Amino acid sequence: MTIYENAAKYLNQIKDELMAMQAWSAIPIEAHRLIDMGAFGTKTMAFTEWLQFVLIPRVQHIIETKGDFPAQSNIAAFAWREFDGLPNAQHLCTILTAFDDLFNQP
């Protein structure tokens, strides 16, 4: 499986898990919340919104254009801190850890 296929697989899992957590929105995010949003969207949105409205579209664009992925990814570290103590988010954190591992190979 190529890195693009693996990334697409994880994006689908992230989406499915956000839906299972009832954290997926059918309503698009307001455009102004995507400006100066800070790391992981912390200035303007919830982390789950950042996953849906920033991470997933960015990675889908890279996949579609066969672009370059970042040299490394640390989304899971933020997710584990963000969701600390929320048992229904552990599976999402595990998926994000596997996603990060795609890019954090030595």
N, C-alpha and C. Protein backbone atom coordinates (compact mmCIF):
# COMPACT_ATOMS: atom_id res chain seq x y z
N MET A 1 0.83 -1.18 0.00
CA MET A 1 0.00 0.00 0.00
C MET A 1 0.89 1.25 0.00
N THR A 2 0.55 2.23 -0.82
CA THR A 2 1.33 3.47 -0.87
C THR A 2 1.01 4.35 0.33
N ILE A 3 1.84 5.34 0.55
CA ILE A 3 1.58 6.28 1.64
C ILE A 3 0.26 7.02 1.41
N TYR A 4 -0.07 7.27 0.15
CA TYR A 4 -1.33 7.95 -0.17
C TYR A 4 -2.53 7.06 0.18
N GLU A 5 -2.42 5.79 -0.12
CA GLU A 5 -3.50 4.85 0.21
C GLU A 5 -3.65 4.69 1.72
N ASN A 6 -2.52 4.61 2.41
CA ASN A 6 -2.56 4.51 3.87
C ASN A 6 -3.16 5.77 4.48
N ALA A 7 -2.74 6.92 3.99
CA ALA A 7 -3.29 8.18 4.53
C ALA A 7 -4.79 8.25 4.30
N ALA A 8 -5.25 7.85 3.13
CA ALA A 8 -6.69 7.86 2.84
C ALA A 8 -7.44 6.91 3.78
N LYS A 9 -6.85 5.76 4.05
CA LYS A 9 -7.46 4.79 4.97
C LYS A 9 -7.63 5.42 6.36
N TYR A 10 -6.60 6.10 6.83
CA TYR A 10 -6.68 6.72 8.16
C TYR A 10 -7.66 7.89 8.17
N LEU A 11 -7.72 8.65 7.09
CA LEU A 11 -8.71 9.73 7.03
C LEU A 11 -10.12 9.19 7.18
N ASN A 12 -10.41 8.09 6.49
CA ASN A 12 -11.73 7.46 6.61
C ASN A 12 -12.00 7.00 8.04
N GLN A 13 -10.98 6.45 8.68
CA GLN A 13 -11.14 6.00 10.07
C GLN A 13 -11.36 7.18 11.01
N ILE A 14 -10.64 8.28 10.77
CA ILE A 14 -10.82 9.48 11.60
C ILE A 14 -12.25 10.00 11.45
N LYS A 15 -12.71 10.10 10.21
CA LYS A 15 -14.08 10.55 9.96
C LYS A 15 -15.09 9.63 10.64
N ASP A 16 -14.93 8.33 10.47
CA ASP A 16 -15.86 7.37 11.08
C ASP A 16 -15.87 7.52 12.60
N GLU A 17 -14.71 7.72 13.18
CA GLU A 17 -14.63 7.83 14.63
C GLU A 17 -15.24 9.15 15.12
N LEU A 18 -15.02 10.23 14.40
CA LEU A 18 -15.66 11.50 14.75
C LEU A 18 -17.19 11.36 14.69
N MET A 19 -17.66 10.64 13.70
CA MET A 19 -19.11 10.40 13.60
C MET A 19 -19.60 9.56 14.78
N ALA A 20 -18.85 8.52 15.13
CA ALA A 20 -19.24 7.67 16.24
C ALA A 20 -19.27 8.45 17.56
N MET A 21 -18.38 9.43 17.67
CA MET A 21 -18.32 10.27 18.87
C MET A 21 -19.36 11.40 18.83
N GLN A 22 -20.10 11.46 17.75
CA GLN A 22 -21.07 12.54 17.50
C GLN A 22 -20.38 13.91 17.49
N ALA A 23 -19.17 13.92 16.92
CA ALA A 23 -18.39 15.15 16.82
C ALA A 23 -18.19 15.58 15.37
N TRP A 24 -18.97 15.01 14.46
CA TRP A 24 -18.91 15.36 13.04
C TRP A 24 -20.05 16.32 12.74
N SER A 25 -19.75 17.41 12.07
CA SER A 25 -20.76 18.41 11.78
C SER A 25 -21.16 18.39 10.31
N ALA A 26 -22.45 18.41 10.06
CA ALA A 26 -22.96 18.50 8.69
C ALA A 26 -22.94 19.95 8.20
N ILE A 27 -22.73 20.87 9.13
CA ILE A 27 -22.73 22.30 8.81
C ILE A 27 -21.28 22.75 8.62
N PRO A 28 -20.97 23.35 7.47
CA PRO A 28 -19.59 23.84 7.26
C PRO A 28 -19.20 24.89 8.30
N ILE A 29 -17.93 24.93 8.60
CA ILE A 29 -17.42 25.91 9.55
C ILE A 29 -17.38 27.29 8.88
N GLU A 30 -17.57 28.32 9.67
CA GLU A 30 -17.51 29.68 9.15
C GLU A 30 -16.07 29.98 8.69
N ALA A 31 -15.94 30.61 7.54
CA ALA A 31 -14.62 30.86 6.93
C ALA A 31 -13.71 31.66 7.85
N HIS A 32 -14.24 32.61 8.58
CA HIS A 32 -13.40 33.45 9.44
C HIS A 32 -12.71 32.64 10.55
N ARG A 33 -13.26 31.48 10.89
CA ARG A 33 -12.66 30.65 11.94
C ARG A 33 -11.44 29.88 11.44
N LEU A 34 -11.22 29.90 10.12
CA LEU A 34 -10.06 29.24 9.54
C LEU A 34 -8.87 30.18 9.39
N ILE A 35 -9.08 31.44 9.74
CA ILE A 35 -8.03 32.45 9.64
C ILE A 35 -7.40 32.64 11.02
N ASP A 36 -6.10 32.66 11.08
CA ASP A 36 -5.38 32.86 12.34
C ASP A 36 -5.93 31.96 13.44
N MET A 37 -6.03 30.68 13.14
CA MET A 37 -6.67 29.74 14.06
C MET A 37 -5.72 29.17 15.10
N GLY A 38 -4.41 29.37 14.92
CA GLY A 38 -3.44 28.82 15.85
C GLY A 38 -3.21 27.34 15.62
N ALA A 39 -2.28 26.79 16.36
CA ALA A 39 -1.93 25.37 16.23
C ALA A 39 -3.14 24.51 16.56
N PHE A 40 -3.43 23.57 15.69
CA PHE A 40 -4.57 22.66 15.84
C PHE A 40 -5.89 23.40 16.02
N GLY A 41 -5.94 24.64 15.56
CA GLY A 41 -7.18 25.42 15.59
C GLY A 41 -7.57 25.94 16.96
N THR A 42 -6.66 25.88 17.93
CA THR A 42 -7.02 26.17 19.31
C THR A 42 -7.56 27.58 19.56
N LYS A 43 -7.25 28.51 18.68
CA LYS A 43 -7.75 29.89 18.89
C LYS A 43 -9.20 30.06 18.46
N THR A 44 -9.67 29.24 17.53
CA THR A 44 -10.99 29.51 16.94
C THR A 44 -11.95 28.33 16.89
N MET A 45 -11.49 27.13 17.25
CA MET A 45 -12.38 25.98 17.10
C MET A 45 -11.96 24.85 18.04
N ALA A 46 -12.86 23.90 18.19
CA ALA A 46 -12.55 22.69 18.95
C ALA A 46 -11.60 21.81 18.12
N PHE A 47 -10.85 20.98 18.80
CA PHE A 47 -9.91 20.10 18.12
C PHE A 47 -10.63 19.18 17.12
N THR A 48 -11.80 18.69 17.49
CA THR A 48 -12.55 17.83 16.58
C THR A 48 -12.95 18.59 15.32
N GLU A 49 -13.23 19.88 15.46
CA GLU A 49 -13.54 20.70 14.27
C GLU A 49 -12.30 20.86 13.41
N TRP A 50 -11.14 21.04 14.04
CA TRP A 50 -9.90 21.17 13.29
C TRP A 50 -9.63 19.89 12.49
N LEU A 51 -9.87 18.74 13.12
CA LEU A 51 -9.68 17.48 12.39
C LEU A 51 -10.57 17.44 11.16
N GLN A 52 -11.85 17.80 11.33
CA GLN A 52 -12.81 17.72 10.23
C GLN A 52 -12.57 18.78 9.16
N PHE A 53 -12.36 20.00 9.57
CA PHE A 53 -12.36 21.11 8.61
C PHE A 53 -10.98 21.56 8.14
N VAL A 54 -9.93 21.09 8.81
CA VAL A 54 -8.57 21.49 8.40
C VAL A 54 -7.75 20.26 8.01
N LEU A 55 -7.55 19.35 8.95
CA LEU A 55 -6.68 18.20 8.67
C LEU A 55 -7.20 17.36 7.50
N ILE A 56 -8.45 16.93 7.58
CA ILE A 56 -8.97 16.04 6.54
C ILE A 56 -8.91 16.69 5.16
N PRO A 57 -9.39 17.93 4.98
CA PRO A 57 -9.28 18.52 3.64
C PRO A 57 -7.84 18.70 3.17
N ARG A 58 -6.93 19.08 4.07
CA ARG A 58 -5.53 19.27 3.67
C ARG A 58 -4.91 17.95 3.20
N VAL A 59 -5.14 16.90 3.95
CA VAL A 59 -4.56 15.61 3.59
C VAL A 59 -5.23 15.08 2.31
N GLN A 60 -6.54 15.27 2.18
CA GLN A 60 -7.21 14.85 0.94
C GLN A 60 -6.60 15.56 -0.27
N HIS A 61 -6.28 16.84 -0.12
CA HIS A 61 -5.67 17.59 -1.22
C HIS A 61 -4.29 17.00 -1.58
N ILE A 62 -3.51 16.68 -0.56
CA ILE A 62 -2.20 16.08 -0.82
C ILE A 62 -2.36 14.75 -1.54
N ILE A 63 -3.33 13.96 -1.12
CA ILE A 63 -3.57 12.66 -1.75
C ILE A 63 -3.98 12.85 -3.21
N GLU A 64 -4.94 13.74 -3.45
CA GLU A 64 -5.45 13.95 -4.81
C GLU A 64 -4.39 14.48 -5.76
N THR A 65 -3.50 15.33 -5.26
CA THR A 65 -2.48 15.93 -6.11
C THR A 65 -1.15 15.18 -6.08
N LYS A 66 -1.13 14.08 -5.29
CA LYS A 66 0.12 13.33 -5.09
C LYS A 66 1.23 14.26 -4.62
N GLY A 67 0.84 15.17 -3.72
CA GLY A 67 1.77 16.15 -3.18
C GLY A 67 2.66 15.56 -2.10
N ASP A 68 3.41 16.43 -1.48
CA ASP A 68 4.34 16.01 -0.44
C ASP A 68 3.67 16.12 0.92
N PHE A 69 3.82 15.08 1.70
CA PHE A 69 3.35 15.10 3.08
C PHE A 69 4.41 15.80 3.94
N PRO A 70 4.01 16.27 5.12
CA PRO A 70 5.01 16.86 6.01
C PRO A 70 6.04 15.81 6.41
N ALA A 71 7.21 16.27 6.79
CA ALA A 71 8.29 15.36 7.18
C ALA A 71 7.95 14.60 8.46
N GLN A 72 7.13 15.20 9.31
CA GLN A 72 6.68 14.53 10.52
C GLN A 72 5.33 15.06 10.96
N SER A 73 4.68 14.31 11.84
CA SER A 73 3.36 14.69 12.32
C SER A 73 3.26 14.41 13.81
N ASN A 74 2.65 15.32 14.55
CA ASN A 74 2.51 15.17 15.99
C ASN A 74 1.08 15.44 16.45
N ILE A 75 0.14 15.04 15.63
CA ILE A 75 -1.27 15.25 15.95
C ILE A 75 -1.68 14.42 17.16
N ALA A 76 -1.22 13.19 17.23
CA ALA A 76 -1.64 12.29 18.31
C ALA A 76 -1.24 12.82 19.68
N ALA A 77 -0.05 13.38 19.81
CA ALA A 77 0.38 13.90 21.11
C ALA A 77 -0.60 14.96 21.60
N PHE A 78 -1.03 15.83 20.69
CA PHE A 78 -2.00 16.85 21.06
C PHE A 78 -3.34 16.20 21.42
N ALA A 79 -3.75 15.21 20.63
CA ALA A 79 -5.04 14.54 20.85
C ALA A 79 -5.07 13.85 22.21
N TRP A 80 -4.00 13.14 22.57
CA TRP A 80 -3.97 12.45 23.86
C TRP A 80 -4.13 13.45 25.00
N ARG A 81 -3.49 14.62 24.89
CA ARG A 81 -3.65 15.65 25.93
C ARG A 81 -5.05 16.24 25.91
N GLU A 82 -5.54 16.53 24.72
CA GLU A 82 -6.86 17.16 24.57
C GLU A 82 -7.98 16.27 25.12
N PHE A 83 -7.86 14.97 24.88
CA PHE A 83 -8.93 14.05 25.25
C PHE A 83 -8.63 13.27 26.54
N ASP A 84 -7.63 13.70 27.29
CA ASP A 84 -7.27 13.01 28.52
C ASP A 84 -8.49 12.83 29.42
N GLY A 85 -8.75 11.60 29.81
CA GLY A 85 -9.87 11.31 30.69
C GLY A 85 -11.19 11.06 29.98
N LEU A 86 -11.22 11.14 28.67
CA LEU A 86 -12.44 10.86 27.92
C LEU A 86 -12.32 9.49 27.26
N PRO A 87 -12.91 8.47 27.87
CA PRO A 87 -12.74 7.11 27.34
C PRO A 87 -13.27 6.93 25.92
N ASN A 88 -14.28 7.69 25.53
CA ASN A 88 -14.84 7.51 24.18
C ASN A 88 -13.92 8.08 23.10
N ALA A 89 -12.83 8.74 23.49
CA ALA A 89 -11.90 9.31 22.50
C ALA A 89 -10.63 8.49 22.35
N GLN A 90 -10.48 7.44 23.12
CA GLN A 90 -9.25 6.66 23.06
C GLN A 90 -9.01 6.03 21.69
N HIS A 91 -10.07 5.54 21.05
CA HIS A 91 -9.89 4.93 19.73
C HIS A 91 -9.44 5.97 18.71
N LEU A 92 -10.00 7.17 18.78
CA LEU A 92 -9.57 8.25 17.88
C LEU A 92 -8.09 8.55 18.10
N CYS A 93 -7.66 8.62 19.34
CA CYS A 93 -6.25 8.87 19.63
C CYS A 93 -5.36 7.77 19.07
N THR A 94 -5.81 6.54 19.14
CA THR A 94 -5.05 5.41 18.60
C THR A 94 -4.94 5.53 17.08
N ILE A 95 -6.02 5.91 16.43
CA ILE A 95 -6.00 6.11 14.97
C ILE A 95 -5.03 7.23 14.61
N LEU A 96 -5.08 8.33 15.35
CA LEU A 96 -4.19 9.46 15.08
C LEU A 96 -2.73 9.09 15.33
N THR A 97 -2.47 8.22 16.29
CA THR A 97 -1.11 7.74 16.52
C THR A 97 -0.61 6.96 15.31
N ALA A 98 -1.45 6.09 14.77
CA ALA A 98 -1.07 5.32 13.58
C ALA A 98 -0.89 6.25 12.38
N PHE A 99 -1.73 7.26 12.27
CA PHE A 99 -1.59 8.24 11.19
C PHE A 99 -0.24 8.94 11.30
N ASP A 100 0.10 9.42 12.49
CA ASP A 100 1.40 10.07 12.70
C ASP A 100 2.55 9.15 12.32
N ASP A 101 2.43 7.87 12.65
CA ASP A 101 3.50 6.91 12.37
C ASP A 101 3.84 6.80 10.89
N LEU A 102 2.87 7.12 10.03
CA LEU A 102 3.14 7.11 8.59
C LEU A 102 4.28 8.07 8.23
N PHE A 103 4.37 9.16 8.96
CA PHE A 103 5.30 10.24 8.62
C PHE A 103 6.50 10.31 9.55
N ASN A 104 6.45 9.63 10.65
CA ASN A 104 7.51 9.73 11.64
C ASN A 104 8.46 8.54 11.59
N GLN A 105 8.63 7.99 10.41
CA GLN A 105 9.55 6.87 10.21
C GLN A 105 10.97 7.40 10.13
N PRO A 106 11.93 6.71 10.76
CA PRO A 106 13.32 7.16 10.68
C PRO A 106 13.89 7.03 9.28
